[in-house]
Amino acid sequence: MFKSIIRIILTITSFVGGFELFKTAVPSLMVATGLALPQGIWVQVAGGTVFGLIIYFITPSLIDYIARFATWTDSKMRNIPTQDIILGVVGLLFALLIGVLLNFPLSRIPWVGPYLSLAVTLVMAYLGVTFILNRKDEFAFITQLIKRPSAVEKKASPPVKVLDTSVIIDGRIMDICKAGFIEGQIIVPGFILEELRHIADSSDLLKRNRGRRGLDILNKMQKEMDIDVKIINKDYEDIAEVDSKLVKIAQELRGLIVTNDYNLNKVCELQGVVVLNINELANAVKPVVLPGEEMSAHIIKDGKEAGQGVAYLDDGTMIVVEGGKRYIGETIEVLVTSVLQTAAGRMVFAKPKASFSEKVTMK
């Protein structure tokens, strides 16, 4: 329906344009050439009809071409942040203003004045846009003045969370989101998804399984959970390091990076980007064990020192039991003697409760 209306309007407009063109062009051509050309209303109507028919038949193709061009332009413009567009327009306006002021003296130069004015205006426009975009971080206050806060922003919505490859492969992110400890939109950059696909296609079996598990986790988070997971197909060709790309996109989105990578954690701290480290979260929620407490421990192997036995809590905390080697394969009651916090995690030292009770009895 819309195409038909546009087609009729353009046809009528073309007919009127052709009619007026023949009305003024034929007499002028006769005067210029001295030829006796046919005149009259029927010539003007014929000219208008020809123009109208031409536009009538090419309008569908023209509309389709314009629609494809608009779609292509929109797809390209989506990759450009709105802040960059606003700053580019501001820089262009200031540059054109300066170009107009310079045009007054330049236009008075004989012969080359008009061409020189045009060239200076184009150069100023390019320099203005380039200058302000290269310093967009310094002109962020302009976008803040122009940008009107939305209703969601007024409610202080939580910042977006940008996922790293390590935390996707780890798998615990899905359980953490399911428990409601992470809120807000979750962002997965396109280069992270590409890295996951590359790992999933690895010749190494372990890497391939980890990559496929990461892709499965993302798929479940998108389809089976009430979580806003968004894939952003944005890359930085001038940046080679994936970690640097993550920091860059987190800075642009003013978001947080969720990772397990210790090195990325340090890079983010240097760049002023907030990090949510899943390993730190896991250590923080481990139960606190104090000396003197009693617990059950299943001894599974011997320790480094003679006579020691090793057990593990459900959260992975290692329990070193003095004299526990003889209880390997058994579940015994132990008494905590000390707790050691290391960079690798928390270690608990204990003694079998039975042997401790025997010593007390002997005394």
Protein backbone atom coordinates (compact mmCIF):
# COMPACT_ATOMS: atom_id res chain seq x y z
CA MET A 1 0.00 0.00 0.00
CA PHE A 2 2.77 2.40 0.95
CA LYS A 3 4.70 1.62 -2.22
CA SER A 4 1.59 2.20 -4.35
CA ILE A 5 0.98 5.62 -2.78
CA ILE A 6 4.62 6.64 -3.32
CA ARG A 7 4.44 5.37 -6.90
CA ILE A 8 1.31 7.43 -7.68
CA ILE A 9 2.74 10.58 -6.07
CA LEU A 10 6.04 10.30 -7.98
CA THR A 11 4.20 9.62 -11.25
CA ILE A 12 1.99 12.69 -10.86
CA THR A 13 4.97 14.82 -9.87
CA SER A 14 6.96 13.58 -12.88
CA PHE A 15 4.04 14.32 -15.23
CA VAL A 16 3.77 17.89 -13.93
CA GLY A 17 7.55 18.31 -14.15
CA GLY A 18 7.65 17.01 -17.73
CA PHE A 19 4.70 19.22 -18.69
CA GLU A 20 6.39 22.36 -17.34
CA LEU A 21 9.74 21.38 -18.85
CA PHE A 22 8.31 21.06 -22.35
CA LYS A 23 6.28 24.23 -21.84
CA THR A 24 9.41 26.32 -21.25
CA ALA A 25 12.07 24.31 -23.09
CA VAL A 26 10.45 24.08 -26.56
CA PRO A 27 10.09 27.87 -27.10
CA SER A 28 13.60 28.47 -25.77
CA LEU A 29 14.99 25.78 -28.06
CA MET A 30 13.20 27.30 -31.05
CA VAL A 31 14.71 30.71 -30.34
CA ALA A 32 18.20 29.26 -29.85
CA THR A 33 18.23 26.99 -32.90
CA GLY A 34 15.77 28.73 -35.23
CA LEU A 35 14.00 25.47 -35.88
CA ALA A 36 10.24 25.23 -36.27
CA LEU A 37 9.36 22.71 -33.57
CA PRO A 38 5.84 21.47 -32.88
CA GLN A 39 4.04 23.44 -30.19
CA GLY A 40 0.77 23.28 -28.38
CA ILE A 41 -0.78 21.76 -25.33
CA TRP A 42 -0.59 18.27 -26.77
CA VAL A 43 3.23 18.47 -26.96
CA GLN A 44 3.39 19.46 -23.30
CA VAL A 45 0.97 16.68 -22.34
CA ALA A 46 3.01 14.17 -24.36
CA GLY A 47 6.21 15.29 -22.63
CA GLY A 48 4.61 15.02 -19.20
CA THR A 49 3.21 11.58 -20.06
CA VAL A 50 6.63 10.29 -21.13
CA PHE A 51 8.25 11.48 -17.91
CA GLY A 52 5.38 10.08 -15.82
CA LEU A 53 5.56 6.63 -17.48
CA ILE A 54 9.32 6.44 -17.02
CA ILE A 55 9.06 7.19 -13.30
CA TYR A 56 6.03 4.87 -12.98
CA PHE A 57 7.97 1.86 -14.27
CA ILE A 58 11.26 2.51 -12.44
CA THR A 59 9.67 3.45 -9.07
CA PRO A 60 9.45 -0.16 -7.67
CA SER A 61 13.13 -0.80 -8.39
CA LEU A 62 14.03 2.64 -7.05
CA ILE A 63 12.12 2.05 -3.80
CA ASP A 64 13.75 -1.38 -3.32
CA TYR A 65 17.20 0.11 -3.92
CA ILE A 66 16.57 2.91 -1.44
CA ALA A 67 15.26 0.40 1.14
CA ARG A 68 18.37 -1.80 0.74
CA PHE A 69 20.62 1.24 1.00
CA ALA A 70 18.81 2.41 4.16
CA THR A 71 19.11 -1.07 5.72
CA TRP A 72 22.83 -1.24 4.88
CA THR A 73 23.39 2.26 6.28
CA ASP A 74 21.48 1.39 9.46
CA SER A 75 23.51 -1.81 9.98
CA LYS A 76 26.74 0.16 9.66
CA MET A 77 25.57 3.00 11.88
CA ARG A 78 24.57 0.60 14.66
CA ASN A 79 28.25 -0.17 15.27
CA ILE A 80 28.93 3.53 15.91
CA PRO A 81 28.12 4.64 19.48
CA THR A 82 25.49 7.37 19.75
CA GLN A 83 27.96 9.49 21.73
CA ASP A 84 30.40 9.43 18.78
CA ILE A 85 27.66 10.56 16.38
CA ILE A 86 26.68 13.45 18.66
CA LEU A 87 30.29 14.54 19.12
CA GLY A 88 30.95 14.23 15.37
CA VAL A 89 27.98 16.50 14.57
CA VAL A 90 29.13 19.05 17.16
CA GLY A 91 32.66 19.04 15.73
CA LEU A 92 31.27 19.38 12.20
CA LEU A 93 29.12 22.38 13.14
CA PHE A 94 32.03 24.23 14.74
CA ALA A 95 34.31 23.42 11.81
CA LEU A 96 31.71 24.65 9.26
CA LEU A 97 31.28 27.86 11.26
CA ILE A 98 35.01 28.49 11.08
CA GLY A 99 34.97 27.61 7.37
CA VAL A 100 32.17 30.15 6.70
CA LEU A 101 34.16 32.87 8.48
CA LEU A 102 37.21 32.09 6.37
CA ASN A 103 35.15 32.10 3.17
CA PHE A 104 34.53 35.84 3.28
CA PRO A 105 38.16 36.88 2.58
CA LEU A 106 38.91 33.81 0.43
CA SER A 107 35.94 34.34 -1.90
CA ARG A 108 37.35 37.74 -2.95
CA ILE A 109 40.45 36.17 -4.48
CA PRO A 110 40.06 36.37 -8.29
CA TRP A 111 39.51 33.20 -10.30
CA VAL A 112 40.30 30.63 -7.59
CA GLY A 113 38.36 32.28 -4.75
CA PRO A 114 35.15 30.15 -4.92
CA TYR A 115 37.07 26.88 -5.40
CA LEU A 116 39.48 27.73 -2.60
CA SER A 117 36.54 28.49 -0.27
CA LEU A 118 34.98 25.11 -1.03
CA ALA A 119 38.26 23.29 -0.45
CA VAL A 120 38.87 25.06 2.87
CA THR A 121 35.31 24.26 4.04
CA LEU A 122 35.74 20.54 3.29
CA VAL A 123 39.15 20.40 4.99
CA MET A 124 37.83 22.21 8.07
CA ALA A 125 34.87 19.81 8.26
CA TYR A 126 37.21 16.79 8.18
CA LEU A 127 39.60 18.28 10.74
CA GLY A 128 36.74 19.26 13.06
CA VAL A 129 35.20 15.77 13.15
CA THR A 130 38.60 14.04 13.46
CA PHE A 131 39.79 16.39 16.22
CA ILE A 132 36.78 15.94 18.48
CA LEU A 133 36.48 12.15 17.95
CA ASN A 134 40.16 11.62 18.79
CA ARG A 135 39.51 13.45 22.08
CA LYS A 136 36.01 12.15 22.78
CA ASP A 137 36.90 11.19 26.35
CA GLU A 138 37.66 14.86 27.07
CA PHE A 139 34.37 16.01 25.51
CA ALA A 140 32.13 13.50 27.28
CA PHE A 141 30.40 16.37 29.08
CA ILE A 142 28.79 17.39 25.76
CA THR A 143 26.96 14.06 25.40
CA GLN A 144 25.92 14.26 29.05
CA LEU A 145 24.33 17.66 28.42
CA ILE A 146 22.50 16.49 25.28
CA LYS A 147 21.51 13.04 26.50
CA ARG A 148 18.24 12.92 28.38
CA PRO A 149 18.14 10.21 31.05
CA SER A 150 15.60 7.51 30.33
CA ALA A 151 13.12 6.13 32.82
CA VAL A 152 15.35 3.09 33.33
CA GLU A 153 18.38 5.27 34.03
CA LYS A 154 16.40 7.34 36.50
CA LYS A 155 15.78 4.15 38.46
CA ALA A 156 19.56 3.62 38.66
CA SER A 157 19.66 0.38 36.69
CA PRO A 158 22.61 -1.88 37.49
CA PRO A 159 25.65 -1.66 35.18
CA VAL A 160 26.05 -4.25 32.44
CA LYS A 161 28.25 -7.26 33.07
CA VAL A 162 30.77 -8.19 30.34
CA LEU A 163 31.70 -11.89 30.38
CA ASP A 164 35.22 -13.19 29.79
CA THR A 165 35.97 -16.50 28.05
CA SER A 166 37.31 -18.09 31.25
CA VAL A 167 34.16 -17.44 33.25
CA ILE A 168 31.91 -18.84 30.49
CA ILE A 169 33.94 -22.04 30.24
CA ASP A 170 34.04 -22.33 34.04
CA GLY A 171 30.26 -22.84 34.11
CA ARG A 172 29.54 -21.45 37.57
CA ILE A 173 28.27 -18.18 36.09
CA MET A 174 24.97 -19.85 35.18
CA ASP A 175 24.36 -21.03 38.76
CA ILE A 176 25.31 -17.61 40.13
CA CYS A 177 22.85 -15.90 37.76
CA LYS A 178 20.17 -18.46 38.59
CA ALA A 179 20.63 -17.67 42.29
CA GLY A 180 20.13 -13.97 41.55
CA PHE A 181 23.56 -12.75 42.67
CA ILE A 182 24.18 -11.06 39.30
CA GLU A 183 21.56 -8.63 38.02
CA GLY A 184 21.31 -6.42 34.99
CA GLN A 185 22.13 -7.08 31.36
CA ILE A 186 24.89 -9.56 30.53
CA ILE A 187 27.06 -8.71 27.53
CA VAL A 188 29.04 -11.24 25.48
CA PRO A 189 31.27 -9.48 22.92
CA GLY A 190 31.55 -11.01 19.47
CA PHE A 191 35.29 -11.56 19.78
CA ILE A 192 34.71 -13.59 22.98
CA LEU A 193 32.13 -15.73 21.17
CA GLU A 194 34.60 -16.21 18.31
CA GLU A 195 37.29 -17.28 20.80
CA LEU A 196 34.85 -19.82 22.27
CA ARG A 197 34.13 -21.21 18.81
CA HIS A 198 37.86 -21.46 18.13
CA ILE A 199 38.38 -23.41 21.38
CA ALA A 200 35.40 -25.66 20.55
CA ASP A 201 37.06 -26.52 17.20
CA SER A 202 40.44 -27.23 18.80
CA SER A 203 42.25 -30.49 18.02
CA ASP A 204 42.89 -30.94 21.74
CA LEU A 205 40.07 -32.99 23.26
CA LEU A 206 40.07 -31.18 26.63
CA LYS A 207 39.99 -27.73 25.03
CA ARG A 208 37.29 -28.83 22.59
CA ASN A 209 35.07 -30.13 25.39
CA ARG A 210 35.56 -26.96 27.44
CA GLY A 211 34.72 -24.75 24.45
CA ARG A 212 31.58 -26.71 23.65
CA ARG A 213 30.50 -26.60 27.29
CA GLY A 214 30.93 -22.82 27.23
CA LEU A 215 28.74 -22.50 24.12
CA ASP A 216 26.11 -24.79 25.71
CA ILE A 217 26.09 -22.66 28.86
CA LEU A 218 25.54 -19.48 26.85
CA ASN A 219 22.74 -21.15 24.93
CA LYS A 220 21.02 -22.25 28.17
CA MET A 221 21.40 -18.80 29.72
CA GLN A 222 19.72 -17.23 26.69
CA LYS A 223 16.89 -19.72 26.21
CA GLU A 224 16.17 -21.39 29.54
CA MET A 225 16.78 -18.62 32.06
CA ASP A 226 15.14 -15.27 32.67
CA ILE A 227 18.37 -13.38 32.00
CA ASP A 228 19.01 -10.63 29.46
CA VAL A 229 22.04 -12.00 27.59
CA LYS A 230 23.06 -9.87 24.61
CA ILE A 231 25.69 -10.63 21.96
CA ILE A 232 27.44 -7.46 20.75
CA ASN A 233 29.14 -7.90 17.36
CA LYS A 234 31.74 -5.25 17.99
CA ASP A 235 35.47 -5.61 17.49
CA TYR A 236 38.54 -3.39 17.69
CA GLU A 237 40.78 -4.20 14.74
CA ASP A 238 43.52 -1.90 16.03
CA ILE A 239 43.76 -3.90 19.30
CA ALA A 240 45.30 -7.38 19.19
CA GLU A 241 44.93 -8.52 22.81
CA VAL A 242 41.53 -9.96 23.78
CA ASP A 243 41.96 -8.68 27.35
CA SER A 244 42.56 -5.14 26.06
CA LYS A 245 39.44 -5.41 23.91
CA LEU A 246 37.42 -6.47 26.96
CA VAL A 247 38.70 -3.50 28.96
CA LYS A 248 37.90 -1.16 26.05
CA ILE A 249 34.31 -2.35 25.61
CA ALA A 250 33.72 -2.29 29.38
CA GLN A 251 34.91 1.32 29.49
CA GLU A 252 32.62 2.30 26.60
CA LEU A 253 29.60 0.56 28.16
CA ARG A 254 30.56 1.68 31.69
CA GLY A 255 30.11 -1.92 32.76
CA LEU A 256 31.81 -4.54 34.92
CA ILE A 257 33.95 -7.44 33.74
CA VAL A 258 33.16 -10.92 35.11
CA THR A 259 36.22 -13.17 34.93
CA ASN A 260 38.36 -15.87 36.56
CA ASP A 261 41.57 -14.61 34.94
CA TYR A 262 44.05 -13.29 37.51
CA ASN A 263 46.05 -11.32 34.92
CA LEU A 264 42.92 -9.69 33.48
CA ASN A 265 41.93 -8.82 37.03
CA LYS A 266 45.17 -6.87 37.45
CA VAL A 267 44.85 -5.14 34.07
CA CYS A 268 41.34 -3.98 34.96
CA GLU A 269 42.55 -2.60 38.28
CA LEU A 270 45.19 -0.54 36.45
CA GLN A 271 42.60 0.71 33.92
CA GLY A 272 40.03 1.58 36.58
CA VAL A 273 37.49 -1.06 35.45
CA VAL A 274 35.49 -2.86 38.14
CA VAL A 275 35.91 -6.65 38.14
CA LEU A 276 33.73 -9.43 39.55
CA ASN A 277 36.04 -12.41 40.10
CA ILE A 278 34.15 -15.70 40.47
CA ASN A 279 37.04 -17.31 42.36
CA GLU A 280 37.03 -14.50 44.92
CA LEU A 281 33.27 -14.96 45.28
CA ALA A 282 33.71 -18.70 45.83
CA ASN A 283 36.34 -18.09 48.52
CA ALA A 284 34.14 -15.49 50.18
CA VAL A 285 31.16 -17.83 50.56
CA LYS A 286 33.16 -20.76 51.95
CA PRO A 287 32.08 -21.61 55.50
CA VAL A 288 34.29 -20.16 58.22
CA VAL A 289 35.99 -22.87 60.27
CA LEU A 290 37.45 -21.98 63.68
CA PRO A 291 40.01 -23.87 65.77
CA GLY A 292 38.28 -26.18 68.25
CA GLU A 293 35.34 -27.04 65.97
CA GLU A 294 34.44 -30.63 65.19
CA MET A 295 33.58 -31.97 61.73
CA SER A 296 33.39 -35.15 59.69
CA ALA A 297 36.14 -35.83 57.17
CA HIS A 298 36.52 -38.62 54.64
CA ILE A 299 40.24 -39.35 54.34
CA ILE A 300 41.05 -40.09 50.70
CA LYS A 301 44.85 -40.00 50.50
CA ASP A 302 48.02 -39.46 52.47
CA GLY A 303 49.58 -36.02 52.91
CA LYS A 304 53.04 -34.64 52.22
CA GLU A 305 54.29 -35.19 55.75
CA ALA A 306 54.60 -38.60 57.36
CA GLY A 307 51.39 -39.90 58.89
CA GLN A 308 49.19 -37.15 57.43
CA GLY A 309 45.87 -37.83 55.76
CA VAL A 310 44.03 -35.50 53.36
CA ALA A 311 40.30 -34.87 53.08
CA TYR A 312 38.19 -32.25 51.29
CA LEU A 313 35.06 -30.35 52.17
CA ASP A 314 32.19 -30.08 49.68
CA ASP A 315 33.45 -26.65 48.56
CA GLY A 316 36.93 -28.00 47.82
CA THR A 317 38.66 -26.83 50.99
CA MET A 318 41.58 -29.12 51.85
CA ILE A 319 41.72 -30.67 55.34
CA VAL A 320 45.10 -31.96 56.47
CA VAL A 321 44.63 -34.46 59.29
CA GLU A 322 47.67 -35.19 61.48
CA GLY A 323 47.93 -38.93 61.99
CA GLY A 324 45.11 -39.51 59.51
CA LYS A 325 47.03 -41.77 57.14
CA ARG A 326 45.81 -44.91 58.93
CA TYR A 327 42.19 -43.79 58.34
CA ILE A 328 42.45 -43.60 54.52
CA GLY A 329 39.12 -44.65 53.00
CA GLU A 330 37.24 -43.99 56.24
CA THR A 331 35.04 -41.13 57.46
CA ILE A 332 36.09 -39.97 60.91
CA GLU A 333 35.37 -37.12 63.29
CA VAL A 334 38.21 -34.59 63.46
CA LEU A 335 38.97 -31.58 65.62
CA VAL A 336 40.20 -28.39 63.91
CA THR A 337 43.55 -27.18 65.26
CA SER A 338 44.31 -24.26 62.89
CA VAL A 339 43.21 -22.58 59.65
CA LEU A 340 45.64 -21.23 57.04
CA GLN A 341 44.59 -18.78 54.31
CA THR A 342 46.83 -19.00 51.23
CA ALA A 343 46.75 -17.55 47.72
CA ALA A 344 45.45 -20.90 46.48
CA GLY A 345 42.62 -20.92 49.00
CA ARG A 346 41.92 -21.98 52.58
CA MET A 347 43.58 -24.98 54.27
CA VAL A 348 42.31 -26.58 57.48
CA PHE A 349 44.58 -28.53 59.83
CA ALA A 350 42.97 -31.03 62.17
CA LYS A 351 43.53 -34.09 64.34
CA PRO A 352 41.39 -37.21 64.70
CA LYS A 353 38.95 -36.68 67.54
CA ALA A 354 39.49 -40.25 68.78
CA SER A 355 43.22 -39.79 69.32
CA PHE A 356 42.62 -36.41 70.95
CA SER A 357 40.08 -37.97 73.35
CA GLU A 358 42.54 -40.76 74.16
CA LYS A 359 45.20 -38.21 75.14
CA VAL A 360 42.77 -36.37 77.37
CA THR A 361 41.74 -39.64 79.04
CA MET A 362 45.32 -40.69 79.63
CA LYS A 363 46.01 -37.40 81.34
